[in-house]
Amino acid sequence: MKMLAIVGSAMLVVGSAAAAASTPTPISIVAAENFYGDIAAAIGGEHVRVTSVLSNPDQDPHLFEASPSVARDLANARIVVLNGAGYDPWVAKMLAANSAPDRLVIVAADLVHRATGDNPHLWYDPATMPAVAAALAAKLAEIDPADAADYAANLDRLRGGFETIATKFSAIRARYAGRPVSATEPVFGYMAAALGLAMRNERFQLAVMNDTEPSARDTAAFEDDLRGHKVDVLFYNSQVTDPQVDRLLAIASQSHVPVVGVSETQPAGRSFVDWMIGELDATQKALAGPSS
């Protein structure tokens, strides 16, 4: 009996070890920003483990400083997804310091042919996320061909969400194209262009984006647009506040110009698709005016 018990225990251990060995290790993906992480999780599903570095909607991404733990995550990642176009240069530096021949890197800017100096807020360009999703599905199928069908099915589902976004902005464009708007910085620039909105005060926005002081002339023109109600909506970066932005928001309020806050980081508890639909809903309401 004692021998049977020993044999039984040995078989249990061997069986457990075999089961553990047959359970595949999730593919490690590190996304520089959480909206790319959301897309990676949607494509990879149960086959991936995703870490998003920039994920705090209350943090100014431009003030981010990478920690040693971020360096470790990047060093151990099988796939890295970043924005590029000068938005997250710390990623390239860390990857260079921890080379890995089998690591795959997806740069959103490369997929949509953008470079440093262009508006780096690429996730608001309707072409970006479908391209990133397709690239992720292809890279995951390359690493894990046995589950390629899962990645393809997940990509199809996600494309349905992208189509919902496209339908929304097409409806807004059809009704409000040509309407004049302004912004404190060009976070929403690509989406505003997709909506056919006429963006004003772009020199002011570029100065803010490049951390330089807008000229007195450009500032005066911006304030005149608000006071004279020459713009129908003011967009602002809800993650960045300073006295100058606060002043413009106050003038917009006094002049009854609708204000829409947009963010650089995906809000907690929301998918990328839900986030974009929410901001498009807010834009549509603002363009419709106070009676909406």
Protein backbone atom coordinates (compact mmCIF):
# COMPACT_ATOMS: atom_id res chain seq x y z
CA MET A 1 0.00 0.00 0.00
CA LYS A 2 2.85 2.34 0.92
CA MET A 3 4.50 1.63 -2.46
CA LEU A 4 1.23 2.36 -4.31
CA ALA A 5 0.91 5.63 -2.45
CA ILE A 6 4.45 6.60 -3.42
CA VAL A 7 3.86 5.68 -7.07
CA GLY A 8 0.56 7.58 -7.05
CA SER A 9 2.23 10.66 -5.58
CA ALA A 10 5.01 10.45 -8.14
CA MET A 11 2.52 10.25 -10.98
CA LEU A 12 0.66 13.26 -9.60
CA VAL A 13 3.86 15.29 -9.50
CA VAL A 14 4.83 14.24 -13.01
CA GLY A 15 1.31 15.00 -14.26
CA SER A 16 1.36 18.45 -12.65
CA ALA A 17 4.76 19.19 -14.14
CA ALA A 18 3.58 18.12 -17.57
CA ALA A 19 0.49 20.29 -17.31
CA ALA A 20 2.61 23.25 -16.27
CA ALA A 21 5.00 22.65 -19.15
CA SER A 22 2.11 22.49 -21.64
CA THR A 23 0.69 25.80 -20.44
CA PRO A 24 2.26 28.44 -22.70
CA THR A 25 3.85 31.49 -21.11
CA PRO A 26 1.96 34.64 -22.12
CA ILE A 27 3.78 36.82 -24.63
CA SER A 28 5.09 39.91 -22.84
CA ILE A 29 4.08 43.19 -24.47
CA VAL A 30 5.12 46.61 -23.17
CA ALA A 31 3.26 49.64 -24.50
CA ALA A 32 4.73 53.08 -23.92
CA GLU A 33 1.21 54.53 -23.66
CA ASN A 34 -1.91 52.85 -22.34
CA PHE A 35 -4.01 53.33 -25.47
CA TYR A 36 -1.54 51.16 -27.37
CA GLY A 37 -1.63 48.75 -24.44
CA ASP A 38 -5.42 48.58 -24.73
CA ILE A 39 -5.14 47.65 -28.40
CA ALA A 40 -2.45 45.04 -27.62
CA ALA A 41 -4.65 43.43 -24.97
CA ALA A 42 -7.63 43.39 -27.33
CA ILE A 43 -5.63 41.67 -30.07
CA GLY A 44 -3.63 39.28 -27.86
CA GLY A 45 -6.36 38.30 -25.42
CA GLU A 46 -5.38 35.46 -23.09
CA HIS A 47 -2.16 34.83 -24.99
CA VAL A 48 -0.44 38.05 -23.87
CA ARG A 49 0.58 39.93 -20.77
CA VAL A 50 0.48 43.69 -21.38
CA THR A 51 2.23 46.39 -19.36
CA SER A 52 1.41 50.02 -20.15
CA VAL A 53 3.93 52.59 -18.94
CA LEU A 54 2.04 55.87 -19.29
CA SER A 55 -1.38 55.13 -17.82
CA ASN A 56 -2.21 57.92 -15.36
CA PRO A 57 -4.78 60.34 -16.86
CA ASP A 58 -3.85 62.94 -14.23
CA GLN A 59 -0.17 62.95 -15.24
CA ASP A 60 1.38 65.25 -17.83
CA PRO A 61 3.06 62.80 -20.24
CA HIS A 62 5.64 65.43 -21.16
CA LEU A 63 6.96 65.41 -17.59
CA PHE A 64 7.35 61.62 -17.43
CA GLU A 65 10.66 60.17 -16.24
CA ALA A 66 11.21 56.46 -16.74
CA SER A 67 12.15 54.40 -13.68
CA PRO A 68 14.43 51.33 -13.37
CA SER A 69 11.32 49.11 -13.25
CA VAL A 70 10.27 50.45 -16.66
CA ALA A 71 13.74 49.63 -17.99
CA ARG A 72 13.37 46.07 -16.70
CA ASP A 73 9.94 45.67 -18.28
CA LEU A 74 11.25 46.88 -21.64
CA ALA A 75 14.32 44.65 -21.40
CA ASN A 76 12.10 41.58 -20.87
CA ALA A 77 9.45 42.44 -23.46
CA ARG A 78 8.94 40.28 -26.54
CA ILE A 79 7.01 43.08 -28.24
CA VAL A 80 7.29 46.82 -27.58
CA VAL A 81 4.75 49.30 -28.91
CA LEU A 82 5.51 53.03 -28.87
CA ASN A 83 4.24 56.20 -30.45
CA GLY A 84 7.41 57.63 -31.96
CA ALA A 85 7.60 61.04 -33.70
CA GLY A 86 9.55 62.36 -30.73
CA TYR A 87 6.73 61.76 -28.24
CA ASP A 88 8.37 58.99 -26.20
CA PRO A 89 12.13 59.19 -26.91
CA TRP A 90 12.96 57.49 -23.60
CA VAL A 91 11.81 54.16 -25.06
CA ALA A 92 14.43 54.11 -27.81
CA LYS A 93 17.17 55.00 -25.33
CA MET A 94 16.19 52.17 -23.00
CA LEU A 95 15.87 49.64 -25.80
CA ALA A 96 19.32 50.60 -27.07
CA ALA A 97 20.72 50.04 -23.58
CA ASN A 98 19.14 46.56 -23.40
CA SER A 99 19.47 44.95 -26.82
CA ALA A 100 17.52 41.77 -27.55
CA PRO A 101 17.76 40.17 -31.00
CA ASP A 102 14.31 38.55 -30.87
CA ARG A 103 12.44 41.61 -29.59
CA LEU A 104 9.88 43.08 -31.99
CA VAL A 105 9.21 46.82 -31.95
CA ILE A 106 6.14 48.52 -33.38
CA VAL A 107 6.41 52.29 -33.88
CA ALA A 108 3.05 53.91 -34.65
CA ALA A 109 4.69 56.89 -36.36
CA ASP A 110 6.43 54.61 -38.85
CA LEU A 111 3.13 52.94 -39.75
CA VAL A 112 1.46 56.24 -40.66
CA HIS A 113 4.60 57.89 -42.07
CA ARG A 114 5.09 60.55 -39.41
CA ALA A 115 8.40 61.84 -38.09
CA THR A 116 9.81 64.01 -35.33
CA GLY A 117 8.54 67.54 -35.93
CA ASP A 118 5.07 66.40 -36.96
CA ASN A 119 2.17 66.57 -34.54
CA PRO A 120 2.98 63.54 -32.34
CA HIS A 121 -0.55 62.95 -31.01
CA LEU A 122 -1.02 60.16 -33.54
CA TRP A 123 -3.73 58.22 -31.70
CA TYR A 124 -6.20 60.94 -32.71
CA ASP A 125 -5.46 60.24 -36.37
CA PRO A 126 -8.17 57.77 -37.49
CA ALA A 127 -5.59 55.88 -39.55
CA THR A 128 -3.22 55.11 -36.68
CA MET A 129 -4.96 52.57 -34.46
CA PRO A 130 -6.17 50.30 -37.27
CA ALA A 131 -2.56 50.20 -38.52
CA VAL A 132 -1.19 49.44 -35.04
CA ALA A 133 -3.81 46.72 -34.49
CA ALA A 134 -2.98 45.05 -37.81
CA ALA A 135 0.76 45.20 -37.04
CA LEU A 136 0.20 43.63 -33.62
CA ALA A 137 -1.90 40.81 -35.05
CA ALA A 138 0.82 40.10 -37.62
CA LYS A 139 3.66 40.15 -35.07
CA LEU A 140 1.78 37.92 -32.64
CA ALA A 141 0.99 35.42 -35.39
CA GLU A 142 4.68 35.45 -36.32
CA ILE A 143 5.70 34.62 -32.74
CA ASP A 144 2.80 32.26 -32.03
CA PRO A 145 1.47 30.78 -35.29
CA ALA A 146 -0.57 28.18 -33.39
CA ASP A 147 -2.91 30.92 -32.16
CA ALA A 148 -2.92 33.02 -35.33
CA ALA A 149 -6.65 32.39 -35.82
CA ASP A 150 -7.37 33.93 -32.41
CA TYR A 151 -5.39 37.05 -33.27
CA ALA A 152 -7.17 37.38 -36.61
CA ALA A 153 -10.59 37.01 -34.95
CA ASN A 154 -9.71 39.58 -32.29
CA LEU A 155 -8.53 41.98 -34.99
CA ASP A 156 -11.86 41.60 -36.80
CA ARG A 157 -13.76 42.40 -33.60
CA LEU A 158 -11.63 45.46 -32.94
CA ARG A 159 -12.15 46.67 -36.48
CA GLY A 160 -15.85 46.76 -35.69
CA GLY A 161 -15.08 49.29 -32.96
CA PHE A 162 -12.94 51.33 -35.34
CA GLU A 163 -15.84 51.36 -37.79
CA THR A 164 -18.08 52.75 -35.04
CA ILE A 165 -15.61 55.61 -34.53
CA ALA A 166 -15.42 56.21 -38.29
CA THR A 167 -19.21 56.30 -38.58
CA LYS A 168 -19.38 58.83 -35.75
CA PHE A 169 -16.85 61.25 -37.14
CA SER A 170 -18.30 60.91 -40.65
CA ALA A 171 -21.69 62.03 -39.29
CA ILE A 172 -20.10 64.99 -37.50
CA ARG A 173 -18.11 65.94 -40.59
CA ALA A 174 -21.20 65.83 -42.79
CA ARG A 175 -22.95 68.35 -40.55
CA TYR A 176 -20.18 70.57 -39.18
CA ALA A 177 -17.29 70.57 -41.68
CA GLY A 178 -15.80 74.03 -42.08
CA ARG A 179 -16.79 75.26 -38.64
CA PRO A 180 -13.98 77.35 -37.03
CA VAL A 181 -12.43 75.98 -33.85
CA SER A 182 -9.31 76.55 -31.79
CA ALA A 183 -7.15 74.69 -29.28
CA THR A 184 -4.57 75.45 -26.63
CA GLU A 185 -2.27 72.79 -28.15
CA PRO A 186 -2.64 70.35 -31.05
CA VAL A 187 -3.64 67.23 -29.09
CA PHE A 188 -6.91 66.85 -31.01
CA GLY A 189 -5.43 68.14 -34.27
CA TYR A 190 -5.65 65.00 -36.38
CA MET A 191 -9.21 64.28 -35.34
CA ALA A 192 -10.23 67.91 -35.92
CA ALA A 193 -8.83 67.61 -39.44
CA ALA A 194 -10.71 64.33 -39.99
CA LEU A 195 -13.89 66.11 -38.90
CA GLY A 196 -13.24 68.85 -41.46
CA LEU A 197 -13.07 71.55 -38.81
CA ALA A 198 -11.20 74.78 -39.59
CA MET A 199 -8.48 75.01 -36.94
CA ARG A 200 -7.29 78.49 -35.97
CA ASN A 201 -4.34 79.76 -33.90
CA GLU A 202 -2.04 76.95 -34.98
CA ARG A 203 1.17 78.97 -34.39
CA PHE A 204 0.11 79.40 -30.76
CA GLN A 205 -0.50 75.65 -30.45
CA LEU A 206 2.85 74.71 -31.98
CA ALA A 207 4.66 77.03 -29.59
CA VAL A 208 2.96 75.36 -26.61
CA MET A 209 3.69 71.89 -27.99
CA ASN A 210 7.37 72.78 -28.41
CA ASP A 211 7.60 74.25 -24.89
CA THR A 212 8.21 77.77 -26.15
CA GLU A 213 6.37 80.95 -25.25
CA PRO A 214 3.71 81.95 -27.80
CA SER A 215 4.31 85.40 -29.21
CA ALA A 216 2.34 88.35 -27.85
CA ARG A 217 0.78 88.75 -31.29
CA ASP A 218 -0.39 85.13 -31.45
CA THR A 219 -1.72 85.29 -27.90
CA ALA A 220 -3.65 88.48 -28.65
CA ALA A 221 -5.11 86.92 -31.81
CA PHE A 222 -6.22 83.86 -29.84
CA GLU A 223 -7.90 85.96 -27.18
CA ASP A 224 -9.58 88.09 -29.86
CA ASP A 225 -10.99 84.95 -31.50
CA LEU A 226 -12.57 83.94 -28.19
CA ARG A 227 -13.91 87.37 -27.25
CA GLY A 228 -15.24 87.95 -30.75
CA HIS A 229 -16.76 84.46 -30.89
CA LYS A 230 -14.80 83.77 -34.08
CA VAL A 231 -14.49 80.12 -33.07
CA ASP A 232 -17.30 77.74 -32.20
CA VAL A 233 -15.34 75.42 -29.86
CA LEU A 234 -12.17 75.61 -27.80
CA PHE A 235 -10.30 72.32 -27.27
CA TYR A 236 -7.81 72.06 -24.45
CA ASN A 237 -5.53 69.42 -22.98
CA SER A 238 -7.21 68.37 -19.74
CA GLN A 239 -3.93 66.93 -18.44
CA VAL A 240 -1.94 70.15 -18.72
CA THR A 241 -2.86 73.32 -16.90
CA ASP A 242 -0.94 76.55 -16.51
CA PRO A 243 -1.87 80.23 -16.00
CA GLN A 244 -2.00 80.91 -19.73
CA VAL A 245 -4.39 78.01 -20.40
CA ASP A 246 -6.49 78.99 -17.39
CA ARG A 247 -6.76 82.51 -18.79
CA LEU A 248 -7.94 81.27 -22.19
CA LEU A 249 -10.49 78.98 -20.56
CA ALA A 250 -11.78 81.91 -18.50
CA ILE A 251 -12.12 84.09 -21.59
CA ALA A 252 -13.96 81.29 -23.41
CA SER A 253 -16.35 80.95 -20.48
CA GLN A 254 -17.00 84.69 -20.35
CA SER A 255 -17.56 84.75 -24.12
CA HIS A 256 -19.84 81.67 -24.06
CA VAL A 257 -17.54 79.64 -26.31
CA PRO A 258 -18.06 75.91 -25.62
CA VAL A 259 -15.00 74.14 -24.25
CA VAL A 260 -14.06 70.49 -24.79
CA GLY A 261 -11.32 68.84 -22.75
CA VAL A 262 -9.31 66.13 -24.49
CA SER A 263 -6.62 63.99 -22.89
CA GLU A 264 -3.31 62.45 -23.90
CA THR A 265 -3.83 59.34 -21.78
CA GLN A 266 -6.72 56.90 -22.02
CA PRO A 267 -9.00 57.27 -18.96
CA ALA A 268 -9.07 54.39 -16.50
CA GLY A 269 -11.86 51.87 -17.00
CA ARG A 270 -12.52 52.79 -20.63
CA SER A 271 -11.46 51.14 -23.86
CA PHE A 272 -9.83 53.12 -26.64
CA VAL A 273 -13.03 52.94 -28.68
CA ASP A 274 -15.18 54.16 -25.77
CA TRP A 275 -12.73 56.98 -25.09
CA MET A 276 -12.81 58.23 -28.69
CA ILE A 277 -16.60 57.96 -28.92
CA GLY A 278 -16.90 59.96 -25.68
CA GLU A 279 -14.71 62.76 -27.01
CA LEU A 280 -16.55 62.79 -30.34
CA ASP A 281 -19.87 62.98 -28.47
CA ALA A 282 -18.58 65.97 -26.49
CA THR A 283 -17.36 67.62 -29.70
CA GLN A 284 -20.68 67.09 -31.42
CA LYS A 285 -22.57 68.56 -28.48
CA ALA A 286 -20.32 71.61 -28.38
CA LEU A 287 -20.67 72.21 -32.11
CA ALA A 288 -24.45 71.87 -31.87
CA GLY A 289 -24.58 74.77 -29.45
CA PRO A 290 -26.39 75.45 -26.17
CA SER A 291 -29.77 74.15 -27.38
CA SER A 292 -28.39 70.58 -27.73
